[in-house]
Full PDB file with SEQRES, HELIX, SHEET, SSBOND, CRYST1, ORIGX, SCALE, CONECT and MASTER records, all heavy atoms in Angstrom:
SEQRES   1 A   33  PHE ALA ASP ASP TYR PHE ASP TYR ASN GLY TYR GLY GLN          
SEQRES   2 A   33  GLY LYS ASN HIS ASP GLY VAL LEU PHE LEU ILE SER MET          
SEQRES   3 A   33  ALA GLU ARG LYS TRP HIS ILE                                  
HELIX    1 AA1 ALA A    2  TYR A    8  1                                   7    
SHEET    1 AA1 2 LEU A  23  SER A  25  0                                        
SHEET    2 AA1 2 LYS A  30  HIS A  32 -1                                        
CRYST1    1.000    1.000    1.000  90.00  90.00  90.00 P 1           1          
ORIGX1      1.000000  0.000000  0.000000        0.00000                         
ORIGX2      0.000000  1.000000  0.000000        0.00000                         
ORIGX3      0.000000  0.000000  1.000000        0.00000                         
SCALE1      1.000000  0.000000  0.000000        0.00000                         
SCALE2      0.000000  1.000000  0.000000        0.00000                         
SCALE3      0.000000  0.000000  1.000000        0.00000                         
ATOM      1  N   PHE A   1    -120.304  78.648  40.193  1.00  0.00           N  
ATOM      2  CA  PHE A   1    -119.822  78.115  41.422  1.00  0.00           C  
ATOM      3  C   PHE A   1    -120.462  76.896  41.985  1.00  0.00           C  
ATOM      4  O   PHE A   1    -119.812  75.962  42.371  1.00  0.00           O  
ATOM      5  CB  PHE A   1    -120.086  79.280  42.621  1.00  0.00           C  
ATOM      6  CG  PHE A   1    -119.062  79.129  43.867  1.00  0.00           C  
ATOM      7  CD1 PHE A   1    -118.031  79.878  44.072  1.00  0.00           C  
ATOM      8  CD2 PHE A   1    -119.540  78.163  44.724  1.00  0.00           C  
ATOM      9  CE1 PHE A   1    -117.356  79.728  45.227  1.00  0.00           C  
ATOM     10  CE2 PHE A   1    -118.833  77.988  45.889  1.00  0.00           C  
ATOM     11  CZ  PHE A   1    -117.646  78.732  46.167  1.00  0.00           C  
ATOM     12  N   ALA A   2    -121.879  76.859  41.810  1.00  0.00           N  
ATOM     13  CA  ALA A   2    -122.512  75.588  42.244  1.00  0.00           C  
ATOM     14  C   ALA A   2    -122.279  74.493  41.359  1.00  0.00           C  
ATOM     15  O   ALA A   2    -121.980  73.370  41.863  1.00  0.00           O  
ATOM     16  CB  ALA A   2    -124.081  75.927  42.167  1.00  0.00           C  
ATOM     17  N   ASP A   3    -122.144  74.624  40.159  1.00  0.00           N  
ATOM     18  CA  ASP A   3    -121.844  73.520  39.272  1.00  0.00           C  
ATOM     19  C   ASP A   3    -120.333  73.013  39.444  1.00  0.00           C  
ATOM     20  O   ASP A   3    -120.145  71.809  39.601  1.00  0.00           O  
ATOM     21  CB  ASP A   3    -121.882  73.953  37.727  1.00  0.00           C  
ATOM     22  CG  ASP A   3    -123.277  74.333  37.200  1.00  0.00           C  
ATOM     23  OD1 ASP A   3    -124.201  73.888  37.898  1.00  0.00           O  
ATOM     24  OD2 ASP A   3    -123.380  74.965  36.182  1.00  0.00           O  
ATOM     25  N   ASP A   4    -119.499  73.894  39.646  1.00  0.00           N  
ATOM     26  CA  ASP A   4    -118.094  73.504  39.890  1.00  0.00           C  
ATOM     27  C   ASP A   4    -117.951  72.825  41.229  1.00  0.00           C  
ATOM     28  O   ASP A   4    -117.164  71.849  41.462  1.00  0.00           O  
ATOM     29  CB  ASP A   4    -117.041  74.620  39.721  1.00  0.00           C  
ATOM     30  CG  ASP A   4    -116.932  75.179  38.384  1.00  0.00           C  
ATOM     31  OD1 ASP A   4    -117.323  74.422  37.534  1.00  0.00           O  
ATOM     32  OD2 ASP A   4    -116.403  76.333  38.196  1.00  0.00           O  
ATOM     33  N   TYR A   5    -118.644  73.352  42.295  1.00  0.00           N  
ATOM     34  CA  TYR A   5    -118.402  72.814  43.624  1.00  0.00           C  
ATOM     35  C   TYR A   5    -118.988  71.380  43.546  1.00  0.00           C  
ATOM     36  O   TYR A   5    -118.519  70.476  44.123  1.00  0.00           O  
ATOM     37  CB  TYR A   5    -119.353  73.553  44.535  1.00  0.00           C  
ATOM     38  CG  TYR A   5    -118.841  73.401  46.039  1.00  0.00           C  
ATOM     39  CD1 TYR A   5    -118.106  74.238  46.632  1.00  0.00           C  
ATOM     40  CD2 TYR A   5    -119.385  72.248  46.710  1.00  0.00           C  
ATOM     41  CE1 TYR A   5    -117.739  74.004  47.960  1.00  0.00           C  
ATOM     42  CE2 TYR A   5    -119.003  72.093  48.032  1.00  0.00           C  
ATOM     43  CZ  TYR A   5    -118.129  72.973  48.568  1.00  0.00           C  
ATOM     44  OH  TYR A   5    -117.762  72.777  50.023  1.00  0.00           O  
ATOM     45  N   PHE A   6    -120.067  71.174  42.858  1.00  0.00           N  
ATOM     46  CA  PHE A   6    -120.669  69.663  42.710  1.00  0.00           C  
ATOM     47  C   PHE A   6    -119.632  68.814  41.937  1.00  0.00           C  
ATOM     48  O   PHE A   6    -119.407  67.746  42.323  1.00  0.00           O  
ATOM     49  CB  PHE A   6    -121.963  69.861  41.867  1.00  0.00           C  
ATOM     50  CG  PHE A   6    -122.760  68.464  41.864  1.00  0.00           C  
ATOM     51  CD1 PHE A   6    -123.837  68.341  42.724  1.00  0.00           C  
ATOM     52  CD2 PHE A   6    -122.432  67.522  40.983  1.00  0.00           C  
ATOM     53  CE1 PHE A   6    -124.511  67.004  42.761  1.00  0.00           C  
ATOM     54  CE2 PHE A   6    -123.172  66.250  40.894  1.00  0.00           C  
ATOM     55  CZ  PHE A   6    -124.150  66.076  41.804  1.00  0.00           C  
ATOM     56  N   ASP A   7    -119.078  69.314  40.776  1.00  0.00           N  
ATOM     57  CA  ASP A   7    -118.366  68.563  39.902  1.00  0.00           C  
ATOM     58  C   ASP A   7    -117.041  68.112  40.587  1.00  0.00           C  
ATOM     59  O   ASP A   7    -116.566  67.024  40.532  1.00  0.00           O  
ATOM     60  CB  ASP A   7    -118.152  69.129  38.590  1.00  0.00           C  
ATOM     61  CG  ASP A   7    -119.427  69.235  37.774  1.00  0.00           C  
ATOM     62  OD1 ASP A   7    -120.406  68.622  38.192  1.00  0.00           O  
ATOM     63  OD2 ASP A   7    -119.400  70.140  36.799  1.00  0.00           O  
ATOM     64  N   TYR A   8    -116.416  69.094  41.213  1.00  0.00           N  
ATOM     65  CA  TYR A   8    -114.983  68.834  41.641  1.00  0.00           C  
ATOM     66  C   TYR A   8    -114.765  68.426  43.148  1.00  0.00           C  
ATOM     67  O   TYR A   8    -113.768  68.373  43.674  1.00  0.00           O  
ATOM     68  CB  TYR A   8    -114.176  70.191  41.446  1.00  0.00           C  
ATOM     69  CG  TYR A   8    -114.096  70.580  40.042  1.00  0.00           C  
ATOM     70  CD1 TYR A   8    -114.604  71.744  39.632  1.00  0.00           C  
ATOM     71  CD2 TYR A   8    -113.509  69.720  39.154  1.00  0.00           C  
ATOM     72  CE1 TYR A   8    -114.379  72.104  38.293  1.00  0.00           C  
ATOM     73  CE2 TYR A   8    -113.361  70.140  37.781  1.00  0.00           C  
ATOM     74  CZ  TYR A   8    -113.843  71.304  37.336  1.00  0.00           C  
ATOM     75  OH  TYR A   8    -113.747  71.613  36.000  1.00  0.00           O  
ATOM     76  N   ASN A   9    -116.024  68.186  43.746  1.00  0.00           N  
ATOM     77  CA  ASN A   9    -115.990  67.555  45.150  1.00  0.00           C  
ATOM     78  C   ASN A   9    -116.593  66.186  45.156  1.00  0.00           C  
ATOM     79  O   ASN A   9    -116.861  65.780  46.276  1.00  0.00           O  
ATOM     80  CB  ASN A   9    -116.726  68.628  46.109  1.00  0.00           C  
ATOM     81  CG  ASN A   9    -115.765  69.816  46.408  1.00  0.00           C  
ATOM     82  OD1 ASN A   9    -114.855  69.719  47.246  1.00  0.00           O  
ATOM     83  ND2 ASN A   9    -116.130  70.936  45.741  1.00  0.00           N  
ATOM     84  N   GLY A  10    -116.751  65.463  44.048  1.00  0.00           N  
ATOM     85  CA  GLY A  10    -117.048  64.164  44.078  1.00  0.00           C  
ATOM     86  C   GLY A  10    -118.654  63.921  44.447  1.00  0.00           C  
ATOM     87  O   GLY A  10    -118.922  62.817  44.849  1.00  0.00           O  
ATOM     88  N   TYR A  11    -119.577  64.905  44.195  1.00  0.00           N  
ATOM     89  CA  TYR A  11    -120.793  64.481  44.443  1.00  0.00           C  
ATOM     90  C   TYR A  11    -121.496  63.736  43.249  1.00  0.00           C  
ATOM     91  O   TYR A  11    -121.047  63.715  42.200  1.00  0.00           O  
ATOM     92  CB  TYR A  11    -121.579  65.906  44.647  1.00  0.00           C  
ATOM     93  CG  TYR A  11    -121.310  66.691  45.870  1.00  0.00           C  
ATOM     94  CD1 TYR A  11    -120.542  67.909  45.750  1.00  0.00           C  
ATOM     95  CD2 TYR A  11    -121.559  66.171  47.199  1.00  0.00           C  
ATOM     96  CE1 TYR A  11    -120.297  68.613  46.998  1.00  0.00           C  
ATOM     97  CE2 TYR A  11    -121.297  66.837  48.260  1.00  0.00           C  
ATOM     98  CZ  TYR A  11    -120.658  68.005  48.171  1.00  0.00           C  
ATOM     99  OH  TYR A  11    -120.298  68.723  49.314  1.00  0.00           O  
ATOM    100  N   GLY A  12    -122.625  63.354  43.510  1.00  0.00           N  
ATOM    101  CA  GLY A  12    -123.416  62.518  42.596  1.00  0.00           C  
ATOM    102  C   GLY A  12    -123.254  60.995  42.759  1.00  0.00           C  
ATOM    103  O   GLY A  12    -122.132  60.475  43.024  1.00  0.00           O  
ATOM    104  N   GLN A  13    -124.416  60.352  42.506  1.00  0.00           N  
ATOM    105  CA  GLN A  13    -124.412  58.845  42.667  1.00  0.00           C  
ATOM    106  C   GLN A  13    -124.577  58.223  41.318  1.00  0.00           C  
ATOM    107  O   GLN A  13    -125.167  58.788  40.483  1.00  0.00           O  
ATOM    108  CB  GLN A  13    -125.489  58.346  43.537  1.00  0.00           C  
ATOM    109  CG  GLN A  13    -125.439  58.951  44.955  1.00  0.00           C  
ATOM    110  CD  GLN A  13    -126.425  58.319  45.930  1.00  0.00           C  
ATOM    111  OE1 GLN A  13    -126.840  57.047  45.807  1.00  0.00           O  
ATOM    112  NE2 GLN A  13    -126.891  59.037  46.896  1.00  0.00           N  
ATOM    113  N   GLY A  14    -123.856  57.192  41.156  1.00  0.00           N  
ATOM    114  CA  GLY A  14    -123.859  56.269  39.929  1.00  0.00           C  
ATOM    115  C   GLY A  14    -123.108  56.993  38.707  1.00  0.00           C  
ATOM    116  O   GLY A  14    -122.467  57.910  38.937  1.00  0.00           O  
ATOM    117  N   LYS A  15    -123.248  56.313  37.561  1.00  0.00           N  
ATOM    118  CA  LYS A  15    -122.560  56.662  36.469  1.00  0.00           C  
ATOM    119  C   LYS A  15    -122.857  58.130  35.948  1.00  0.00           C  
ATOM    120  O   LYS A  15    -122.016  58.777  35.300  1.00  0.00           O  
ATOM    121  CB  LYS A  15    -122.493  55.604  35.416  1.00  0.00           C  
ATOM    122  CG  LYS A  15    -123.905  55.369  34.773  1.00  0.00           C  
ATOM    123  CD  LYS A  15    -123.797  54.425  33.701  1.00  0.00           C  
ATOM    124  CE  LYS A  15    -125.209  54.222  32.995  1.00  0.00           C  
ATOM    125  NZ  LYS A  15    -125.300  53.229  31.997  1.00  0.00           N  
ATOM    126  N   ASN A  16    -124.060  58.469  36.205  1.00  0.00           N  
ATOM    127  CA  ASN A  16    -124.522  59.784  35.618  1.00  0.00           C  
ATOM    128  C   ASN A  16    -124.357  60.852  36.701  1.00  0.00           C  
ATOM    129  O   ASN A  16    -124.907  62.016  36.599  1.00  0.00           O  
ATOM    130  CB  ASN A  16    -126.024  59.686  35.285  1.00  0.00           C  
ATOM    131  CG  ASN A  16    -126.085  58.821  34.030  1.00  0.00           C  
ATOM    132  OD1 ASN A  16    -125.349  58.818  33.147  1.00  0.00           O  
ATOM    133  ND2 ASN A  16    -127.241  57.959  34.011  1.00  0.00           N  
ATOM    134  N   HIS A  17    -123.740  60.538  37.901  1.00  0.00           N  
ATOM    135  CA  HIS A  17    -123.481  61.558  39.010  1.00  0.00           C  
ATOM    136  C   HIS A  17    -125.014  62.233  39.429  1.00  0.00           C  
ATOM    137  O   HIS A  17    -125.003  63.478  39.457  1.00  0.00           O  
ATOM    138  CB  HIS A  17    -122.618  62.644  38.614  1.00  0.00           C  
ATOM    139  CG  HIS A  17    -121.305  62.055  38.016  1.00  0.00           C  
ATOM    140  ND1 HIS A  17    -120.430  61.556  38.795  1.00  0.00           N  
ATOM    141  CD2 HIS A  17    -120.897  61.888  36.720  1.00  0.00           C  
ATOM    142  CE1 HIS A  17    -119.301  61.113  38.073  1.00  0.00           C  
ATOM    143  NE2 HIS A  17    -119.625  61.296  36.714  1.00  0.00           N  
ATOM    144  N   ASP A  18    -125.975  61.431  39.760  1.00  0.00           N  
ATOM    145  CA  ASP A  18    -127.255  61.952  40.099  1.00  0.00           C  
ATOM    146  C   ASP A  18    -127.148  62.697  41.340  1.00  0.00           C  
ATOM    147  O   ASP A  18    -126.750  62.282  42.393  1.00  0.00           O  
ATOM    148  CB  ASP A  18    -128.302  60.725  40.206  1.00  0.00           C  
ATOM    149  CG  ASP A  18    -128.371  59.890  39.058  1.00  0.00           C  
ATOM    150  OD1 ASP A  18    -128.067  60.313  37.892  1.00  0.00           O  
ATOM    151  OD2 ASP A  18    -128.675  58.630  39.274  1.00  0.00           O  
ATOM    152  N   GLY A  19    -127.743  63.993  41.279  1.00  0.00           N  
ATOM    153  CA  GLY A  19    -127.676  64.808  42.476  1.00  0.00           C  
ATOM    154  C   GLY A  19    -128.232  66.224  42.232  1.00  0.00           C  
ATOM    155  O   GLY A  19    -128.464  66.615  41.149  1.00  0.00           O  
ATOM    156  N   VAL A  20    -128.489  66.809  43.342  1.00  0.00           N  
ATOM    157  CA  VAL A  20    -128.923  68.234  43.368  1.00  0.00           C  
ATOM    158  C   VAL A  20    -128.238  68.990  44.501  1.00  0.00           C  
ATOM    159  O   VAL A  20    -128.102  68.507  45.607  1.00  0.00           O  
ATOM    160  CB  VAL A  20    -130.498  68.303  43.526  1.00  0.00           C  
ATOM    161  CG1 VAL A  20    -130.988  67.462  44.685  1.00  0.00           C  
ATOM    162  CG2 VAL A  20    -130.991  69.641  43.592  1.00  0.00           C  
ATOM    163  N   LEU A  21    -127.780  70.226  44.212  1.00  0.00           N  
ATOM    164  CA  LEU A  21    -127.054  70.994  45.214  1.00  0.00           C  
ATOM    165  C   LEU A  21    -127.629  72.321  45.314  1.00  0.00           C  
ATOM    166  O   LEU A  21    -127.924  73.011  44.404  1.00  0.00           O  
ATOM    167  CB  LEU A  21    -125.612  71.064  44.735  1.00  0.00           C  
ATOM    168  CG  LEU A  21    -124.680  71.782  45.708  1.00  0.00           C  
ATOM    169  CD1 LEU A  21    -123.271  71.201  45.694  1.00  0.00           C  
ATOM    170  CD2 LEU A  21    -124.448  73.357  45.379  1.00  0.00           C  
ATOM    171  N   PHE A  22    -127.914  72.837  46.670  1.00  0.00           N  
ATOM    172  CA  PHE A  22    -128.503  74.057  46.927  1.00  0.00           C  
ATOM    173  C   PHE A  22    -127.408  74.970  47.537  1.00  0.00           C  
ATOM    174  O   PHE A  22    -126.814  74.632  48.576  1.00  0.00           O  
ATOM    175  CB  PHE A  22    -129.582  73.885  47.925  1.00  0.00           C  
ATOM    176  CG  PHE A  22    -130.244  75.168  48.365  1.00  0.00           C  
ATOM    177  CD1 PHE A  22    -130.201  76.372  47.513  1.00  0.00           C  
ATOM    178  CD2 PHE A  22    -131.091  75.248  49.452  1.00  0.00           C  
ATOM    179  CE1 PHE A  22    -130.943  77.485  47.912  1.00  0.00           C  
ATOM    180  CE2 PHE A  22    -131.819  76.347  49.845  1.00  0.00           C  
ATOM    181  CZ  PHE A  22    -131.651  77.557  49.094  1.00  0.00           C  
ATOM    182  N   LEU A  23    -127.004  75.945  46.788  1.00  0.00           N  
ATOM    183  CA  LEU A  23    -125.944  76.865  47.219  1.00  0.00           C  
ATOM    184  C   LEU A  23    -126.418  78.238  47.558  1.00  0.00           C  
ATOM    185  O   LEU A  23    -127.346  78.808  46.898  1.00  0.00           O  
ATOM    186  CB  LEU A  23    -124.910  77.067  46.110  1.00  0.00           C  
ATOM    187  CG  LEU A  23    -123.937  78.197  46.293  1.00  0.00           C  
ATOM    188  CD1 LEU A  23    -122.768  77.812  47.191  1.00  0.00           C  
ATOM    189  CD2 LEU A  23    -123.304  78.697  44.922  1.00  0.00           C  
ATOM    190  N   ILE A  24    -126.013  78.786  48.682  1.00  0.00           N  
ATOM    191  CA  ILE A  24    -126.253  80.254  48.967  1.00  0.00           C  
ATOM    192  C   ILE A  24    -124.957  81.054  49.295  1.00  0.00           C  
ATOM    193  O   ILE A  24    -124.065  80.344  50.084  1.00  0.00           O  
ATOM    194  CB  ILE A  24    -127.311  80.459  50.094  1.00  0.00           C  
ATOM    195  CG1 ILE A  24    -126.702  80.130  51.429  1.00  0.00           C  
ATOM    196  CG2 ILE A  24    -128.619  79.786  49.740  1.00  0.00           C  
ATOM    197  CD1 ILE A  24    -127.677  80.665  52.574  1.00  0.00           C  
ATOM    198  N   SER A  25    -124.781  82.242  48.886  1.00  0.00           N  
ATOM    199  CA  SER A  25    -123.609  82.910  49.156  1.00  0.00           C  
ATOM    200  C   SER A  25    -123.979  84.268  49.847  1.00  0.00           C  
ATOM    201  O   SER A  25    -124.894  85.025  49.389  1.00  0.00           O  
ATOM    202  CB  SER A  25    -122.813  83.384  47.873  1.00  0.00           C  
ATOM    203  OG  SER A  25    -121.728  84.242  48.120  1.00  0.00           O  
ATOM    204  N   MET A  26    -123.510  84.492  50.988  1.00  0.00           N  
ATOM    205  CA  MET A  26    -123.887  85.641  51.819  1.00  0.00           C  
ATOM    206  C   MET A  26    -123.440  87.019  51.293  1.00  0.00           C  
ATOM    207  O   MET A  26    -124.211  87.989  51.461  1.00  0.00           O  
ATOM    208  CB  MET A  26    -123.340  85.295  53.307  1.00  0.00           C  
ATOM    209  CG  MET A  26    -124.020  84.193  53.967  1.00  0.00           C  
ATOM    210  SD  MET A  26    -125.794  84.039  53.826  1.00  0.00           S  
ATOM    211  CE  MET A  26    -126.192  85.475  54.927  1.00  0.00           C  
ATOM    212  N   ALA A  27    -122.279  87.082  50.828  1.00  0.00           N  
ATOM    213  CA  ALA A  27    -121.787  88.319  50.434  1.00  0.00           C  
ATOM    214  C   ALA A  27    -122.586  88.835  49.226  1.00  0.00           C  
ATOM    215  O   ALA A  27    -122.895  90.023  49.216  1.00  0.00           O  
ATOM    216  CB  ALA A  27    -120.253  88.237  49.908  1.00  0.00           C  
ATOM    217  N   GLU A  28    -122.942  88.058  48.305  1.00  0.00           N  
ATOM    218  CA  GLU A  28    -123.620  88.555  47.136  1.00  0.00           C  
ATOM    219  C   GLU A  28    -125.257  88.326  47.382  1.00  0.00           C  
ATOM    220  O   GLU A  28    -125.983  88.853  46.497  1.00  0.00           O  
ATOM    221  CB  GLU A  28    -123.316  87.749  45.864  1.00  0.00           C  
ATOM    222  CG  GLU A  28    -121.832  87.999  45.431  1.00  0.00           C  
ATOM    223  CD  GLU A  28    -120.912  87.186  46.204  1.00  0.00           C  
ATOM    224  OE1 GLU A  28    -121.311  86.251  46.971  1.00  0.00           O  
ATOM    225  OE2 GLU A  28    -119.648  87.260  46.050  1.00  0.00           O  
ATOM    226  N   ARG A  29    -125.613  87.735  48.431  1.00  0.00           N  
ATOM    227  CA  ARG A  29    -127.049  87.308  48.664  1.00  0.00           C  
ATOM    228  C   ARG A  29    -127.605  86.663  47.498  1.00  0.00           C  
ATOM    229  O   ARG A  29    -128.693  87.032  47.070  1.00  0.00           O  
ATOM    230  CB  ARG A  29    -127.800  88.720  48.987  1.00  0.00           C  
ATOM    231  CG  ARG A  29    -127.303  89.528  50.162  1.00  0.00           C  
ATOM    232  CD  ARG A  29    -127.497  88.929  51.425  1.00  0.00           C  
ATOM    233  NE  ARG A  29    -129.004  88.827  51.827  1.00  0.00           N  
ATOM    234  CZ  ARG A  29    -129.318  88.233  52.920  1.00  0.00           C  
ATOM    235  NH1 ARG A  29    -128.490  87.758  53.773  1.00  0.00           N  
ATOM    236  NH2 ARG A  29    -130.693  88.243  53.191  1.00  0.00           N  
ATOM    237  N   LYS A  30    -126.898  85.721  47.053  1.00  0.00           N  
ATOM    238  CA  LYS A  30    -127.384  84.969  45.822  1.00  0.00           C  
ATOM    239  C   LYS A  30    -127.620  83.480  46.209  1.00  0.00           C  
ATOM    240  O   LYS A  30    -126.950  82.930  47.146  1.00  0.00           O  
ATOM    241  CB  LYS A  30    -126.347  84.912  44.750  1.00  0.00           C  
ATOM    242  CG  LYS A  30    -126.112  86.290  44.091  1.00  0.00           C  
ATOM    243  CD  LYS A  30    -127.235  86.650  43.167  1.00  0.00           C  
ATOM    244  CE  LYS A  30    -126.898  87.986  42.416  1.00  0.00           C  
ATOM    245  NZ  LYS A  30    -128.016  88.348  41.545  1.00  0.00           N  
ATOM    246  N   TRP A  31    -128.506  82.725  45.516  1.00  0.00           N  
ATOM    247  CA  TRP A  31    -128.702  81.333  45.705  1.00  0.00           C  
ATOM    248  C   TRP A  31    -128.737  80.646  44.363  1.00  0.00           C  
ATOM    249  O   TRP A  31    -129.156  81.386  43.290  1.00  0.00           O  
ATOM    250  CB  TRP A  31    -130.055  81.084  46.499  1.00  0.00           C  
ATOM    251  CG  TRP A  31    -131.356  81.511  45.714  1.00  0.00           C  
ATOM    252  CD1 TRP A  31    -131.874  82.709  45.822  1.00  0.00           C  
ATOM    253  CD2 TRP A  31    -132.036  80.688  44.914  1.00  0.00           C  
ATOM    254  NE1 TRP A  31    -133.014  82.806  44.961  1.00  0.00           N  
ATOM    255  CE2 TRP A  31    -133.150  81.461  44.381  1.00  0.00           C  
ATOM    256  CE3 TRP A  31    -132.002  79.414  44.407  1.00  0.00           C  
ATOM    257  CZ2 TRP A  31    -134.093  81.016  43.556  1.00  0.00           C  
ATOM    258  CZ3 TRP A  31    -132.919  78.879  43.419  1.00  0.00           C  
ATOM    259  CH2 TRP A  31    -134.012  79.658  43.038  1.00  0.00           C  
ATOM    260  N   HIS A  32    -128.447  79.424  44.345  1.00  0.00           N  
ATOM    261  CA  HIS A  32    -128.556  78.710  43.027  1.00  0.00           C  
ATOM    262  C   HIS A  32    -128.665  77.189  43.379  1.00  0.00           C  
ATOM    263  O   HIS A  32    -128.107  76.705  44.340  1.00  0.00           O  
ATOM    264  CB  HIS A  32    -127.283  78.870  42.194  1.00  0.00           C  
ATOM    265  CG  HIS A  32    -127.602  78.412  40.744  1.00  0.00           C  
ATOM    266  ND1 HIS A  32    -128.071  79.206  39.787  1.00  0.00           N  
ATOM    267  CD2 HIS A  32    -127.188  77.158  40.183  1.00  0.00           C  
ATOM    268  CE1 HIS A  32    -128.179  78.522  38.774  1.00  0.00           C  
ATOM    269  NE2 HIS A  32    -127.689  77.221  38.932  1.00  0.00           N  
ATOM    270  N   ILE A  33    -129.560  76.453  42.646  1.00  0.00           N  
ATOM    271  CA  ILE A  33    -129.776  75.158  42.636  1.00  0.00           C  
ATOM    272  C   ILE A  33    -129.180  74.459  41.343  1.00  0.00           C  
ATOM    273  O   ILE A  33    -129.586  74.786  40.269  1.00  0.00           O  
ATOM    274  CB  ILE A  33    -131.201  74.763  42.801  1.00  0.00           C  
ATOM    275  CG1 ILE A  33    -131.780  75.169  44.224  1.00  0.00           C  
ATOM    276  CG2 ILE A  33    -131.357  73.252  42.650  1.00  0.00           C  
ATOM    277  CD1 ILE A  33    -133.179  74.850  44.400  1.00  0.00           C  
TER     278      ILE A  33                                                      
MASTER        0    0    0    1    2    0    0    6  277    1    0    3          
END                                                                             
């Protein structure tokens, strides 16, 4: 979910798409960077 959200919403700077995304989901009580 975190990887796809980053990739398909245009995040990342430069040609290598530099970035870091912190995701939390309340239903599953899960987090991912």
